[in-house]
Protein backbone atom coordinates (compact mmCIF):
# COMPACT_ATOMS: atom_id res chain seq x y z
CA MET A 1 0.00 0.00 0.00
CA ASN A 2 1.24 3.49 -0.85
CA PRO A 3 2.46 5.25 2.33
CA PHE A 4 0.25 8.22 1.46
CA ASP A 5 -2.93 6.12 1.18
CA THR A 6 -5.46 6.35 4.01
CA SER A 7 -6.48 2.71 3.53
CA GLU A 8 -6.32 -0.17 1.09
CA TYR A 9 -9.44 1.12 -0.71
CA LYS A 10 -9.38 3.30 -3.81
CA ILE A 11 -12.16 5.88 -3.50
CA THR A 12 -13.37 8.03 -6.41
CA TYR A 13 -15.69 11.00 -5.98
CA LEU A 14 -17.84 11.91 -9.00
CA VAL A 15 -19.13 15.45 -8.44
CA GLY A 16 -21.50 17.83 -10.19
CA ALA A 17 -22.93 21.29 -9.55
CA GLY A 18 -24.60 20.19 -6.31
CA ALA A 19 -21.15 19.77 -4.77
CA SER A 20 -20.65 23.56 -5.02
CA ALA A 21 -24.24 24.54 -4.21
CA LYS A 22 -23.42 26.38 -0.98
CA ALA A 23 -21.46 28.92 -3.03
CA LEU A 24 -22.48 28.70 -6.68
CA PRO A 25 -25.79 28.06 -8.44
CA THR A 26 -27.17 24.77 -9.67
CA VAL A 27 -29.34 24.68 -12.79
CA LYS A 28 -32.56 24.63 -10.76
CA SER A 29 -33.08 26.32 -7.40
CA THR A 30 -32.49 24.23 -4.27
CA ASP A 31 -32.53 24.75 -0.52
CA MET A 32 -28.94 25.97 -0.86
CA THR A 33 -28.95 28.16 -3.96
CA LYS A 34 -30.95 29.97 -6.61
CA GLY A 35 -31.21 28.52 -10.08
CA MET A 36 -28.69 29.48 -12.75
CA ALA A 37 -30.95 31.86 -14.70
CA ASP A 38 -31.98 33.83 -11.60
CA SER A 39 -28.39 33.92 -10.36
CA LEU A 40 -27.21 35.36 -13.67
CA ARG A 41 -29.90 38.05 -13.59
CA GLU A 42 -28.96 38.92 -10.01
CA PHE A 43 -25.33 39.14 -11.11
CA ALA A 44 -26.27 41.49 -13.96
CA VAL A 45 -28.01 43.80 -11.46
CA TYR A 46 -24.92 43.67 -9.24
CA LEU A 47 -22.78 44.86 -12.17
CA LYS A 48 -25.25 47.56 -13.18
CA ASP A 49 -25.41 48.95 -9.64
CA ASN A 50 -21.64 48.84 -9.10
CA ASN A 51 -20.26 52.37 -9.32
CA THR A 52 -16.59 51.44 -8.90
CA PHE A 53 -15.81 50.69 -12.54
CA SER A 54 -13.20 52.84 -14.22
CA GLU A 55 -14.13 54.83 -17.31
CA GLU A 56 -12.00 52.48 -19.39
CA ASN A 57 -14.00 49.46 -18.25
CA LYS A 58 -17.55 50.82 -18.36
CA SER A 59 -18.20 49.88 -21.99
CA TYR A 60 -17.01 46.32 -21.34
CA ILE A 61 -19.30 46.03 -18.31
CA GLU A 62 -22.27 47.38 -20.27
CA GLN A 63 -21.75 44.76 -22.96
CA ILE A 64 -21.11 41.84 -20.59
CA THR A 65 -24.25 42.80 -18.66
CA LEU A 66 -26.29 42.49 -21.85
CA ASP A 67 -24.61 39.15 -22.57
CA ILE A 68 -25.39 37.88 -19.07
CA ASN A 69 -29.08 38.65 -19.49
CA TRP A 70 -28.98 36.98 -22.92
CA LEU A 71 -27.60 33.81 -21.35
CA ALA A 72 -30.12 33.94 -18.50
CA GLU A 73 -32.99 34.15 -20.98
CA ASN A 74 -31.69 31.23 -23.03
CA THR A 75 -30.90 29.18 -19.95
CA GLU A 76 -34.61 29.33 -19.14
CA LYS A 77 -35.54 28.60 -22.75
CA PHE A 78 -33.28 25.54 -23.07
CA GLY A 79 -33.50 24.39 -19.44
CA THR A 80 -29.74 24.53 -18.76
CA PRO A 81 -26.80 26.64 -19.99
CA ASP A 82 -25.12 23.40 -21.11
CA THR A 83 -28.05 22.50 -23.39
CA PHE A 84 -27.98 25.99 -24.88
CA ALA A 85 -24.23 25.60 -25.35
CA LYS A 86 -24.79 22.33 -27.22
CA TYR A 87 -27.28 24.12 -29.49
CA LEU A 88 -24.74 26.86 -30.24
CA TYR A 89 -22.03 24.24 -30.84
CA LEU A 90 -24.24 22.85 -33.61
CA GLN A 91 -25.44 26.22 -34.94
CA ASP A 92 -23.06 29.11 -34.18
CA ARG A 93 -19.56 28.62 -32.77
CA LYS A 94 -19.05 32.38 -32.38
CA LEU A 95 -22.02 32.58 -30.03
CA LEU A 96 -20.74 29.50 -28.21
CA GLN A 97 -17.62 31.47 -27.37
CA LYS A 98 -19.82 34.36 -26.21
CA LEU A 99 -21.60 31.95 -23.84
CA LYS A 100 -18.27 30.72 -22.50
CA ASN A 101 -17.04 34.29 -22.00
CA VAL A 102 -20.11 35.06 -19.89
CA LEU A 103 -19.67 31.98 -17.70
CA ILE A 104 -15.93 32.57 -17.36
CA PHE A 105 -16.55 36.14 -16.21
CA TYR A 106 -19.34 35.11 -13.86
CA PHE A 107 -17.47 32.26 -12.15
CA THR A 108 -14.22 34.21 -11.91
CA VAL A 109 -15.87 37.27 -10.33
CA GLU A 110 -17.97 35.21 -7.95
CA GLN A 111 -15.01 33.12 -6.75
CA PHE A 112 -12.12 35.58 -6.81
CA ILE A 113 -13.79 38.95 -6.24
CA ASN A 114 -16.90 38.04 -4.23
CA ASN A 115 -15.16 35.12 -2.48
CA LYS A 116 -17.95 32.60 -3.05
CA PHE A 117 -16.69 29.38 -1.47
CA ASP A 118 -18.41 26.14 -0.51
CA ASN A 119 -16.87 25.34 2.85
CA ARG A 120 -17.72 21.66 2.46
CA THR A 121 -14.66 21.28 0.24
CA LEU A 122 -12.39 22.50 3.04
CA ILE A 123 -14.14 20.29 5.61
CA PHE A 124 -13.71 17.34 3.26
CA LEU A 125 -9.97 17.92 2.79
CA THR A 126 -9.46 18.45 6.52
CA THR A 127 -11.33 15.22 7.26
CA VAL A 128 -9.50 12.92 4.83
CA MET A 129 -5.96 14.30 5.07
CA GLN A 130 -3.73 12.50 7.56
CA ARG A 131 -0.36 14.11 6.85
CA GLU A 132 0.54 17.76 6.59
CA ASN A 133 0.33 19.09 3.04
CA ILE A 134 -0.26 15.66 1.48
CA PHE A 135 -3.52 14.73 -0.18
CA PRO A 136 -4.22 10.99 0.13
CA THR A 137 -3.18 9.14 -3.02
CA ASN A 138 -6.08 6.67 -2.81
CA ILE A 139 -8.69 9.43 -3.23
CA LYS A 140 -9.52 10.75 -6.70
CA ILE A 141 -12.13 13.20 -8.00
CA LEU A 142 -13.90 13.30 -11.37
CA ASN A 143 -15.28 16.83 -11.48
CA TRP A 144 -17.97 17.92 -13.96
CA ASN A 145 -17.83 21.48 -12.61
CA TYR A 146 -15.86 24.24 -14.31
CA ASP A 147 -15.46 26.03 -10.99
CA PHE A 148 -12.30 26.06 -8.83
CA GLN A 149 -13.76 25.14 -5.43
CA PHE A 150 -11.64 22.09 -4.59
CA GLU A 151 -8.48 23.90 -5.61
CA LEU A 152 -9.39 26.94 -3.53
CA ALA A 153 -9.83 24.68 -0.52
CA ALA A 154 -6.47 23.05 -1.24
CA GLU A 155 -4.76 26.44 -1.40
CA THR A 156 -5.53 27.03 2.26
CA PHE A 157 -2.97 24.27 2.90
CA ARG A 158 -0.50 25.01 0.13
CA LYS A 159 -0.63 27.77 -2.48
CA GLU A 160 0.22 26.90 -6.04
CA GLU A 161 2.31 29.32 -8.08
CA PHE A 162 3.57 29.28 -11.65
CA HIS A 163 5.96 31.89 -13.03
CA TYR A 164 7.48 31.75 -16.48
CA SER A 165 10.01 33.89 -18.31
CA SER A 166 12.43 33.64 -21.20
CA SER A 167 15.07 32.34 -18.80
CA GLY A 168 12.94 29.55 -17.37
CA SER A 169 10.01 28.87 -15.09
CA VAL A 170 9.21 28.10 -11.47
CA HIS A 171 6.23 26.00 -10.45
CA LYS A 172 5.25 25.51 -6.83
CA PRO A 173 2.95 22.49 -7.17
CA PRO A 174 -0.56 22.45 -5.73
CA LEU A 175 -1.68 20.24 -2.87
CA ILE A 176 -3.90 18.32 -5.31
CA ASN A 177 -2.69 17.73 -8.85
CA TYR A 178 -5.50 18.61 -11.21
CA TYR A 179 -6.16 18.43 -14.95
CA PRO A 180 -5.88 20.81 -16.78
CA SER A 181 -3.12 22.35 -14.71
CA LEU A 182 -1.03 25.49 -14.78
CA GLY A 183 2.29 25.18 -16.55
CA TYR A 184 3.42 24.15 -19.99
CA GLU A 185 0.97 22.54 -22.39
CA MET A 186 3.28 19.55 -22.76
CA ASN A 187 2.72 18.75 -19.08
CA VAL A 188 -1.00 18.37 -19.75
CA ASN A 189 -1.00 16.58 -23.08
CA HIS A 190 2.34 14.82 -23.39
CA SER A 191 2.98 13.52 -19.90
CA THR A 192 2.96 9.72 -19.88
CA ASN A 193 2.01 9.52 -16.21
CA VAL A 194 -1.72 10.19 -16.17
CA LYS A 195 -1.90 8.59 -12.73
CA GLU A 196 -0.29 11.68 -11.19
CA TYR A 197 -3.60 13.55 -11.29
CA SER A 198 -6.05 13.45 -8.40
CA ILE A 199 -8.72 15.67 -9.99
CA VAL A 200 -9.82 15.82 -13.61
CA HIS A 201 -12.19 18.60 -14.72
CA MET A 202 -14.28 17.01 -17.45
CA ASN A 203 -15.42 20.41 -18.77
CA GLY A 204 -12.13 22.21 -18.19
CA ILE A 205 -11.90 25.19 -15.82
CA ALA A 206 -13.49 28.62 -16.23
CA GLY A 207 -10.77 31.26 -16.30
CA PHE A 208 -7.96 28.98 -17.51
CA PHE A 209 -6.47 29.58 -20.95
CA PHE A 210 -3.63 28.50 -23.21
CA ASN A 211 -1.16 31.16 -24.34
CA LYS A 212 0.25 30.00 -27.65
CA ASP A 213 3.12 32.51 -27.63
CA GLU A 214 4.60 30.98 -24.49
CA ASN A 215 3.09 27.49 -24.86
CA THR A 216 1.77 27.86 -21.33
CA ILE A 217 -1.49 27.29 -19.46
CA LEU A 218 -2.38 30.26 -17.26
CA ASN A 219 -5.41 31.59 -15.43
CA LEU A 220 -7.09 34.94 -14.95
CA HIS A 221 -6.02 35.20 -11.33
CA PHE A 222 -2.29 34.80 -12.14
CA ASN A 223 -0.99 33.39 -8.86
CA SER A 224 -3.02 35.88 -6.82
CA SER A 225 -6.60 37.09 -6.75
CA PRO A 226 -7.15 40.47 -8.44
CA LYS A 227 -7.37 43.26 -5.88
CA ASP A 228 -10.72 44.37 -7.31
CA ILE A 229 -13.07 43.81 -10.23
CA ASN A 230 -11.38 46.50 -12.34
CA GLU A 231 -8.09 44.63 -12.24
CA LEU A 232 -9.89 41.44 -13.27
CA VAL A 233 -11.59 43.20 -16.18
CA ASP A 234 -8.21 44.57 -17.27
CA ARG A 235 -6.87 41.01 -17.39
CA ILE A 236 -9.88 39.71 -19.29
CA LYS A 237 -9.78 42.58 -21.82
CA TYR A 238 -6.17 41.83 -22.69
CA GLU A 239 -6.36 41.10 -26.39
CA ASN A 240 -4.33 38.16 -27.53
CA ALA A 241 -5.30 36.24 -30.64
CA ASP A 242 -3.30 33.27 -29.37
CA ARG A 243 -5.26 32.96 -26.11
CA GLN A 244 -7.48 29.88 -26.08
CA THR A 245 -9.93 29.13 -23.28
CA LEU A 246 -9.61 25.87 -21.35
CA PHE A 247 -13.26 25.89 -20.37
CA THR A 248 -14.65 23.40 -22.86
CA PHE A 249 -17.59 21.04 -22.67
CA ALA A 250 -16.76 17.34 -22.63
CA TRP A 251 -18.95 16.70 -25.68
CA GLU A 252 -16.98 19.13 -27.88
CA LYS A 253 -15.10 17.18 -30.52
CA ASP A 254 -13.57 19.48 -33.10
CA THR A 255 -12.76 22.74 -31.33
CA ASN A 256 -9.33 24.08 -30.37
CA SER A 257 -10.31 23.89 -26.71
CA ALA A 258 -11.24 20.22 -27.02
CA SER A 259 -7.90 19.51 -28.68
CA LEU A 260 -6.04 21.16 -25.81
CA LEU A 261 -7.84 18.90 -23.30
CA ARG A 262 -7.68 15.76 -25.41
CA LYS A 263 -6.28 13.60 -22.59
CA ARG A 264 -9.08 14.25 -20.08
CA ILE A 265 -10.92 11.02 -20.90
CA GLU A 266 -7.69 9.05 -20.64
CA VAL A 267 -7.02 10.60 -17.23
CA ALA A 268 -10.58 9.89 -16.11
CA ARG A 269 -10.38 6.27 -17.22
CA SER A 270 -7.08 5.81 -15.45
CA ILE A 271 -8.68 7.10 -12.24
CA ILE A 272 -11.89 5.13 -12.49
CA ALA A 273 -10.24 1.82 -13.40
CA GLU A 274 -8.69 1.59 -9.93
CA SER A 275 -11.86 2.41 -8.00
CA ASP A 276 -13.21 0.16 -5.25
CA ILE A 277 -15.87 2.66 -4.17
CA LEU A 278 -17.59 5.39 -6.19
CA ILE A 279 -19.21 8.30 -4.32
CA ILE A 280 -21.51 10.51 -6.40
CA ILE A 281 -22.33 14.02 -5.12
CA GLY A 282 -24.58 16.57 -6.78
CA TYR A 283 -24.47 15.09 -10.28
CA SER A 284 -27.66 14.46 -12.26
CA PHE A 285 -26.22 12.53 -15.26
CA PRO A 286 -27.59 14.87 -17.98
CA PHE A 287 -28.30 13.42 -21.40
CA PHE A 288 -25.60 15.42 -23.20
CA ASN A 289 -22.89 13.83 -21.00
CA ARG A 290 -24.16 10.30 -21.61
CA THR A 291 -21.27 9.21 -23.86
CA ILE A 292 -18.63 10.20 -21.32
CA ASP A 293 -20.63 8.81 -18.41
CA LYS A 294 -21.01 5.49 -20.24
CA ALA A 295 -17.26 5.35 -20.90
CA VAL A 296 -16.62 5.93 -17.19
CA PHE A 297 -19.04 3.25 -16.03
CA ASP A 298 -17.90 0.79 -18.69
CA GLU A 299 -14.40 1.17 -17.27
CA LEU A 300 -15.75 0.47 -13.79
CA ILE A 301 -17.44 -2.71 -14.96
CA ILE A 302 -14.47 -3.91 -17.02
CA SER A 303 -12.06 -3.43 -14.11
CA GLY A 304 -14.18 -5.66 -11.89
CA LYS A 305 -12.93 -3.82 -8.82
CA LEU A 306 -15.98 -1.74 -7.95
CA LYS A 307 -17.73 -2.98 -4.83
CA LYS A 308 -20.01 -0.13 -3.90
CA ILE A 309 -21.65 3.06 -5.20
CA ILE A 310 -22.72 5.70 -2.69
CA TYR A 311 -25.24 8.17 -4.10
CA GLN A 312 -25.47 11.36 -2.02
CA ASP A 313 -28.67 13.18 -2.92
CA PRO A 314 -31.61 14.38 -0.81
CA TYR A 315 -34.16 12.76 -3.13
CA LYS A 316 -32.90 10.32 -5.78
CA THR A 317 -31.73 6.93 -4.51
CA GLY A 318 -29.25 6.15 -7.27
CA GLU A 319 -30.99 2.91 -8.22
CA PHE A 320 -31.50 4.30 -11.75
CA LEU A 321 -27.76 3.81 -12.29
CA ARG A 322 -28.14 0.04 -12.28
CA LYS A 323 -30.37 0.02 -15.37
CA GLN A 324 -28.79 3.02 -17.09
CA PHE A 325 -25.30 1.52 -17.04
CA ASN A 326 -26.17 -2.17 -16.83
CA LEU A 327 -24.39 -2.58 -13.50
CA PRO A 328 -23.84 -6.08 -12.11
CA GLU A 329 -26.19 -7.04 -9.28
CA ASN A 330 -23.29 -7.62 -6.90
CA ILE A 331 -22.48 -3.88 -6.87
CA ASP A 332 -24.15 -2.36 -3.83
CA ILE A 333 -25.84 1.06 -4.19
CA GLN A 334 -26.28 3.04 -0.99
CA HIS A 335 -28.36 6.21 -0.71
CA ILE A 336 -27.23 9.09 1.52
CA THR A 337 -29.81 11.87 1.96
CA GLU A 338 -27.76 14.19 4.21
CA THR A 339 -25.95 16.91 2.23
CA GLU A 340 -24.52 19.11 4.97
CA ASN A 341 -21.06 17.68 4.20
CA TYR A 342 -19.53 15.38 1.60
CA PHE A 343 -19.95 11.79 2.64
CA VAL A 344 -16.77 10.09 3.87
CA PRO A 345 -17.09 6.28 4.08
CA ASN A 346 -15.68 4.15 6.87
CA GLU A 347 -13.35 2.56 4.32
CA LEU A 348 -11.25 5.75 4.33
C-alpha cells in the first residue's frame, strides 16, 4: 500500500454542480442556492449597480451585462446553460464562445472577487488528510464542474504558483494535482504519467487559458486574486489572438479547446479503473454527457474492482444507475440523503 494512502481502498468522488451549491448556483433552485438563470440576472443587477468601474471598463461592463441577461434568458428557454451551449455548438460557434465568455466572467468574479466558497470542500480535505500538506493518493475526483472550489480549498494548505520567463520557469505544485493544470501545455498533453492527477475537470476550468506565444497554461487570477473587479476586467480585456480558453464542454469534438484537453478522458479512465468505491455528489447525469458517463461506467465494470456506489442526494436513490449503465447485481448502491457535508465512508 502506498504510504500516502489512508487505507487499502481506492475511492473516487464523482461530483457535479450540487457539490458547489453552498457557493455557486445549480441549474434549478435548491434549498442551498438559486437557479442558474436567476443567479445570472442577479449578477447582472450587481454589475449595473456597481459604481466602482473605471471609465476604461464601463463599456465592457455594459456589454457583458447584456450578454449575461442573454444567457439567463436562453438558460430558461433551453433548461440549462449546457443545453444551450450544445445548441450553439451545432449552430453558431461564435455565439458559443460568447456563452463561455459570460460563464468565465461570472465564475471568476464570484469566486475571486466576491469570495464565493463552498466550505464543504475544506471540511472534506481536513477530514481525509492524515499528513501535513499531502492529499491521500487513494482518493480521486472526477469533477464535472468548471469552478475552482476544490483547488481553492487546497490552497488554504499550500498555495500553487507558476511563473514563467524567457530564462525559465518556477512551479510551486498544488496540494492536489489537477487536470488541466497550470504550466506548460506539454505537461498536460504529453505527460505519460496520467496517474499523477487526483482531480480531472471534465469540462475544463473557467478562467484557464492556453497562451500559444509561451506554450503555457495560465489563469485569470495569475498566482493571486485580483485586488478588485477592475483589475480582473483589465486582465480579461487583454487582447491576444493566441489565447485559447480551457473551459470546454466534454462533448466538444472538433474545437481548439477540445484539442487542448484531449487527454481528459484518458485521465478519467485511469482514475476510475482503480476504483473500489464510487461516491456521487450533486451530479444528475444529464443526457448530453451520456457518452462520457457510459465510458466511465464501462471502465468500472471492465475493471471488476468496484464494490459499492454511494449516491449522495436528498431525493434520488441512485438505483437508476443500475439500469442506465447495466451494472452487475453484486455492486451495492447506498443512498445518503444528508448533504450538509460530503460523505466520507468508513473505508477511508
